[in-house]
Amino acid sequence: MHALPSLHEVSGAFREGGLADRVILTLARAEAGRELQNEDRDALQHAVDFLSQAKRGYNWLSDPQVSRDSRAWARSFGTAARSLDRRTRDAEFLGDIEQMLQVVTQLRTTGIAESEPLKCARVFFNRVLRSAIDHIDAAISARDINDPGAPEWVLANSFGT
């Protein structure tokens, strides 16, 4: 039996999914040739932050030092690893992350990026969103208060049913 996520993890997945959704919409607008607004640049900054954290998480594996930021790096790395094309080899992971980081940084800075890399980044963030939805769904679906493995927050919110 898998460990069930905590309420903190579920709320993090909601946040991650919402931000991924904003990135997807921004990348789609850019692909359509629309001019970026300030809110689009904010979404792209989230993409830059997420990809930078995933890259740090990847590099952290070879020299694991616990710090205030290492949890965020590990979370972003795990999400990115689940979200990349399953055919991506370990050696390609960092290159794919760096390529997407470059395209979203360029788009955020100049408002312009090539079509194919934009599409790849949009597909990736679509998978990030899907991963967040799956995480949330696993946490809240089919959780019965009679299930001995139900997380404490499910039991605490059962309101005597």
C-alpha atoms as a PDB file:
ATOM      1  CA  MET A   1       0.000   0.000   0.000  1.00  0.00           C
ATOM      2  CA  HIS A   2       1.304   3.453  -0.904  1.00  0.00           C
ATOM      3  CA  ALA A   3       1.597   6.170   1.703  1.00  0.00           C
ATOM      4  CA  LEU A   4      -1.167   8.707   1.286  1.00  0.00           C
ATOM      5  CA  PRO A   5      -0.211  12.338   0.818  1.00  0.00           C
ATOM      6  CA  SER A   6      -0.665  14.850   3.601  1.00  0.00           C
ATOM      7  CA  LEU A   7      -2.907  17.889   3.308  1.00  0.00           C
ATOM      8  CA  HIS A   8       0.268  19.976   2.885  1.00  0.00           C
ATOM      9  CA  GLU A   9       1.286  17.863  -0.125  1.00  0.00           C
ATOM     10  CA  VAL A  10      -2.184  18.106  -1.643  1.00  0.00           C
ATOM     11  CA  SER A  11      -2.294  21.882  -1.235  1.00  0.00           C
ATOM     12  CA  GLY A  12       1.157  22.039  -2.852  1.00  0.00           C
ATOM     13  CA  ALA A  13      -0.164  20.014  -5.780  1.00  0.00           C
ATOM     14  CA  PHE A  14      -3.103  22.442  -6.150  1.00  0.00           C
ATOM     15  CA  ARG A  15      -0.672  25.361  -6.205  1.00  0.00           C
ATOM     16  CA  GLU A  16       1.673  23.630  -8.645  1.00  0.00           C
ATOM     17  CA  GLY A  17      -1.221  22.697 -10.929  1.00  0.00           C
ATOM     18  CA  GLY A  18      -2.635  26.220 -10.930  1.00  0.00           C
ATOM     19  CA  LEU A  19       0.735  27.721 -11.785  1.00  0.00           C
ATOM     20  CA  ALA A  20       1.314  25.117 -14.515  1.00  0.00           C
ATOM     21  CA  ASP A  21      -2.084  26.023 -15.970  1.00  0.00           C
ATOM     22  CA  ARG A  22      -1.070  29.704 -16.133  1.00  0.00           C
ATOM     23  CA  VAL A  23       2.206  28.740 -17.861  1.00  0.00           C
ATOM     24  CA  ILE A  24       0.352  26.579 -20.407  1.00  0.00           C
ATOM     25  CA  LEU A  25      -2.028  29.423 -21.286  1.00  0.00           C
ATOM     26  CA  THR A  26       0.869  31.874 -21.603  1.00  0.00           C
ATOM     27  CA  LEU A  27       2.828  29.527 -23.870  1.00  0.00           C
ATOM     28  CA  ALA A  28      -0.284  28.943 -26.008  1.00  0.00           C
ATOM     29  CA  ARG A  29      -0.774  32.710 -26.376  1.00  0.00           C
ATOM     30  CA  ALA A  30       2.877  33.083 -27.382  1.00  0.00           C
ATOM     31  CA  GLU A  31       2.524  30.252 -29.921  1.00  0.00           C
ATOM     32  CA  ALA A  32      -0.471  32.108 -31.381  1.00  0.00           C
ATOM     33  CA  GLY A  33       1.711  35.202 -31.758  1.00  0.00           C
ATOM     34  CA  ARG A  34      -0.108  37.292 -29.167  1.00  0.00           C
ATOM     35  CA  GLU A  35       1.748  39.977 -27.273  1.00  0.00           C
ATOM     36  CA  LEU A  36       2.678  39.072 -23.706  1.00  0.00           C
ATOM     37  CA  GLN A  37       1.124  40.939 -20.801  1.00  0.00           C
ATOM     38  CA  ASN A  38       2.598  41.424 -17.325  1.00  0.00           C
ATOM     39  CA  GLU A  39       0.617  38.450 -15.983  1.00  0.00           C
ATOM     40  CA  ASP A  40       2.153  36.323 -18.758  1.00  0.00           C
ATOM     41  CA  ARG A  41       5.641  37.400 -17.722  1.00  0.00           C
ATOM     42  CA  ASP A  42       4.769  36.463 -14.127  1.00  0.00           C
ATOM     43  CA  ALA A  43       3.696  32.996 -15.302  1.00  0.00           C
ATOM     44  CA  LEU A  44       6.915  32.657 -17.280  1.00  0.00           C
ATOM     45  CA  GLN A  45       8.896  33.643 -14.182  1.00  0.00           C
ATOM     46  CA  HIS A  46       7.196  30.741 -12.400  1.00  0.00           C
ATOM     47  CA  ALA A  47       8.286  28.467 -15.262  1.00  0.00           C
ATOM     48  CA  VAL A  48      11.863  29.759 -14.956  1.00  0.00           C
ATOM     49  CA  ASP A  49      11.808  29.198 -11.181  1.00  0.00           C
ATOM     50  CA  PHE A  50      10.335  25.698 -11.519  1.00  0.00           C
ATOM     51  CA  LEU A  51      12.815  24.612 -14.201  1.00  0.00           C
ATOM     52  CA  SER A  52      15.737  26.120 -12.257  1.00  0.00           C
ATOM     53  CA  GLN A  53      14.653  24.213  -9.157  1.00  0.00           C
ATOM     54  CA  ALA A  54      14.318  20.991 -11.165  1.00  0.00           C
ATOM     55  CA  LYS A  55      17.839  21.509 -12.480  1.00  0.00           C
ATOM     56  CA  ARG A  56      19.138  22.142  -8.949  1.00  0.00           C
ATOM     57  CA  GLY A  57      17.320  18.996  -7.791  1.00  0.00           C
ATOM     58  CA  TYR A  58      18.964  16.955 -10.532  1.00  0.00           C
ATOM     59  CA  ASN A  59      22.400  18.277  -9.579  1.00  0.00           C
ATOM     60  CA  TRP A  60      21.622  17.826  -5.867  1.00  0.00           C
ATOM     61  CA  LEU A  61      21.533  14.053  -6.371  1.00  0.00           C
ATOM     62  CA  SER A  62      25.291  13.947  -6.906  1.00  0.00           C
ATOM     63  CA  ASP A  63      26.022  16.017  -3.769  1.00  0.00           C
ATOM     64  CA  PRO A  64      23.027  15.813  -1.423  1.00  0.00           C
ATOM     65  CA  GLN A  65      23.335  18.592   1.125  1.00  0.00           C
ATOM     66  CA  VAL A  66      20.237  19.368   3.150  1.00  0.00           C
ATOM     67  CA  SER A  67      19.309  23.018   3.081  1.00  0.00           C
ATOM     68  CA  ARG A  68      16.259  25.220   3.332  1.00  0.00           C
ATOM     69  CA  ASP A  69      15.814  24.990  -0.434  1.00  0.00           C
ATOM     70  CA  SER A  70      16.605  21.314  -1.034  1.00  0.00           C
ATOM     71  CA  ARG A  71      13.001  20.186  -0.467  1.00  0.00           C
ATOM     72  CA  ALA A  72      11.728  22.538  -3.189  1.00  0.00           C
ATOM     73  CA  TRP A  73      14.489  21.339  -5.522  1.00  0.00           C
ATOM     74  CA  ALA A  74      13.603  17.712  -4.864  1.00  0.00           C
ATOM     75  CA  ARG A  75       9.876  18.351  -5.397  1.00  0.00           C
ATOM     76  CA  SER A  76      10.463  20.204  -8.672  1.00  0.00           C
ATOM     77  CA  PHE A  77      12.927  17.550  -9.830  1.00  0.00           C
ATOM     78  CA  GLY A  78      10.445  14.753  -9.035  1.00  0.00           C
ATOM     79  CA  THR A  79       7.623  16.530 -10.837  1.00  0.00           C
ATOM     80  CA  ALA A  80       9.845  17.256 -13.838  1.00  0.00           C
ATOM     81  CA  ALA A  81      11.052  13.653 -13.982  1.00  0.00           C
ATOM     82  CA  ARG A  82       7.433  12.405 -13.993  1.00  0.00           C
ATOM     83  CA  SER A  83       6.466  15.004 -16.588  1.00  0.00           C
ATOM     84  CA  LEU A  84       9.157  14.540 -19.208  1.00  0.00           C
ATOM     85  CA  ASP A  85       8.592  12.125 -22.047  1.00  0.00           C
ATOM     86  CA  ARG A  86       9.119   8.625 -20.647  1.00  0.00           C
ATOM     87  CA  ARG A  87      11.575   7.919 -23.462  1.00  0.00           C
ATOM     88  CA  THR A  88      13.895  10.605 -22.083  1.00  0.00           C
ATOM     89  CA  ARG A  89      17.087   9.043 -20.812  1.00  0.00           C
ATOM     90  CA  ASP A  90      18.784  10.206 -17.657  1.00  0.00           C
ATOM     91  CA  ALA A  91      21.544  11.859 -19.694  1.00  0.00           C
ATOM     92  CA  GLU A  92      18.943  13.809 -21.702  1.00  0.00           C
ATOM     93  CA  PHE A  93      17.022  15.041 -18.659  1.00  0.00           C
ATOM     94  CA  LEU A  94      19.303  17.955 -17.876  1.00  0.00           C
ATOM     95  CA  GLY A  95      19.547  18.968 -21.547  1.00  0.00           C
ATOM     96  CA  ASP A  96      15.758  18.978 -21.925  1.00  0.00           C
ATOM     97  CA  ILE A  97      15.330  21.051 -18.759  1.00  0.00           C
ATOM     98  CA  GLU A  98      18.032  23.509 -19.873  1.00  0.00           C
ATOM     99  CA  GLN A  99      16.458  23.850 -23.332  1.00  0.00           C
ATOM    100  CA  MET A 100      13.049  24.650 -21.836  1.00  0.00           C
ATOM    101  CA  LEU A 101      14.664  27.008 -19.337  1.00  0.00           C
ATOM    102  CA  GLN A 102      16.343  28.831 -22.204  1.00  0.00           C
ATOM    103  CA  VAL A 103      13.140  29.159 -24.258  1.00  0.00           C
ATOM    104  CA  VAL A 104      10.954  30.413 -21.380  1.00  0.00           C
ATOM    105  CA  THR A 105      13.682  32.836 -20.270  1.00  0.00           C
ATOM    106  CA  GLN A 106      13.995  34.151 -23.819  1.00  0.00           C
ATOM    107  CA  LEU A 107      10.228  34.460 -24.162  1.00  0.00           C
ATOM    108  CA  ARG A 108       9.943  36.262 -20.829  1.00  0.00           C
ATOM    109  CA  THR A 109      12.760  38.662 -21.741  1.00  0.00           C
ATOM    110  CA  THR A 110      12.074  39.348 -25.421  1.00  0.00           C
ATOM    111  CA  GLY A 111       8.503  38.182 -25.955  1.00  0.00           C
ATOM    112  CA  ILE A 112       9.748  36.008 -28.833  1.00  0.00           C
ATOM    113  CA  ALA A 113      10.701  32.342 -29.086  1.00  0.00           C
ATOM    114  CA  GLU A 114      10.788  29.675 -31.762  1.00  0.00           C
ATOM    115  CA  SER A 115       7.606  27.691 -32.331  1.00  0.00           C
ATOM    116  CA  GLU A 116       8.854  24.122 -31.811  1.00  0.00           C
ATOM    117  CA  PRO A 117      10.653  24.726 -28.479  1.00  0.00           C
ATOM    118  CA  LEU A 118       7.574  26.645 -27.293  1.00  0.00           C
ATOM    119  CA  LYS A 119       5.384  23.668 -28.139  1.00  0.00           C
ATOM    120  CA  CYS A 120       7.736  21.291 -26.299  1.00  0.00           C
ATOM    121  CA  ALA A 121       7.623  23.507 -23.193  1.00  0.00           C
ATOM    122  CA  ARG A 122       3.814  23.725 -23.390  1.00  0.00           C
ATOM    123  CA  VAL A 123       3.508  19.928 -23.657  1.00  0.00           C
ATOM    124  CA  PHE A 124       5.878  19.539 -20.692  1.00  0.00           C
ATOM    125  CA  PHE A 125       3.879  21.929 -18.495  1.00  0.00           C
ATOM    126  CA  ASN A 126       0.699  20.167 -19.588  1.00  0.00           C
ATOM    127  CA  ARG A 127       2.242  17.005 -18.137  1.00  0.00           C
ATOM    128  CA  VAL A 128       3.172  18.916 -14.964  1.00  0.00           C
ATOM    129  CA  LEU A 129      -0.493  19.898 -14.656  1.00  0.00           C
ATOM    130  CA  ARG A 130      -1.591  16.308 -15.301  1.00  0.00           C
ATOM    131  CA  SER A 131       0.831  15.085 -12.622  1.00  0.00           C
ATOM    132  CA  ALA A 132      -0.628  17.565 -10.120  1.00  0.00           C
ATOM    133  CA  ILE A 133      -4.178  16.504 -10.976  1.00  0.00           C
ATOM    134  CA  ASP A 134      -3.265  12.833 -10.588  1.00  0.00           C
ATOM    135  CA  HIS A 135      -1.641  13.566  -7.218  1.00  0.00           C
ATOM    136  CA  ILE A 136      -4.725  15.418  -6.005  1.00  0.00           C
ATOM    137  CA  ASP A 137      -7.076  12.760  -7.351  1.00  0.00           C
ATOM    138  CA  ALA A 138      -5.170   9.967  -5.613  1.00  0.00           C
ATOM    139  CA  ALA A 139      -5.367  11.870  -2.349  1.00  0.00           C
ATOM    140  CA  ILE A 140      -9.060  12.674  -2.355  1.00  0.00           C
ATOM    141  CA  SER A 141     -10.751   9.911  -4.311  1.00  0.00           C
ATOM    142  CA  ALA A 142     -12.077   6.785  -2.667  1.00  0.00           C
ATOM    143  CA  ARG A 143     -10.942   7.854   0.797  1.00  0.00           C
ATOM    144  CA  ASP A 144     -13.316   6.424   3.322  1.00  0.00           C
ATOM    145  CA  ILE A 145     -13.143   7.230   7.015  1.00  0.00           C
ATOM    146  CA  ASN A 146     -13.323   3.480   7.593  1.00  0.00           C
ATOM    147  CA  ASP A 147     -10.111   3.022   5.583  1.00  0.00           C
ATOM    148  CA  PRO A 148      -7.361   2.414   8.158  1.00  0.00           C
ATOM    149  CA  GLY A 149      -4.864   4.011   5.775  1.00  0.00           C
ATOM    150  CA  ALA A 150      -6.833   7.247   5.374  1.00  0.00           C
ATOM    151  CA  PRO A 151      -4.777  10.342   6.196  1.00  0.00           C
ATOM    152  CA  GLU A 152      -5.498  12.127   9.458  1.00  0.00           C
ATOM    153  CA  TRP A 153      -6.958  15.168   7.697  1.00  0.00           C
ATOM    154  CA  VAL A 154      -9.630  12.956   6.080  1.00  0.00           C
ATOM    155  CA  LEU A 155     -10.532  11.478   9.440  1.00  0.00           C
ATOM    156  CA  ALA A 156     -10.515  14.886  11.138  1.00  0.00           C
ATOM    157  CA  ASN A 157     -12.893  16.293   8.516  1.00  0.00           C
ATOM    158  CA  SER A 158     -15.348  13.408   8.532  1.00  0.00           C
ATOM    159  CA  PHE A 159     -17.704  15.376  10.856  1.00  0.00           C
ATOM    160  CA  GLY A 160     -18.993  12.260  12.556  1.00  0.00           C
ATOM    161  CA  THR A 161     -20.204  10.460   9.451  1.00  0.00           C
END
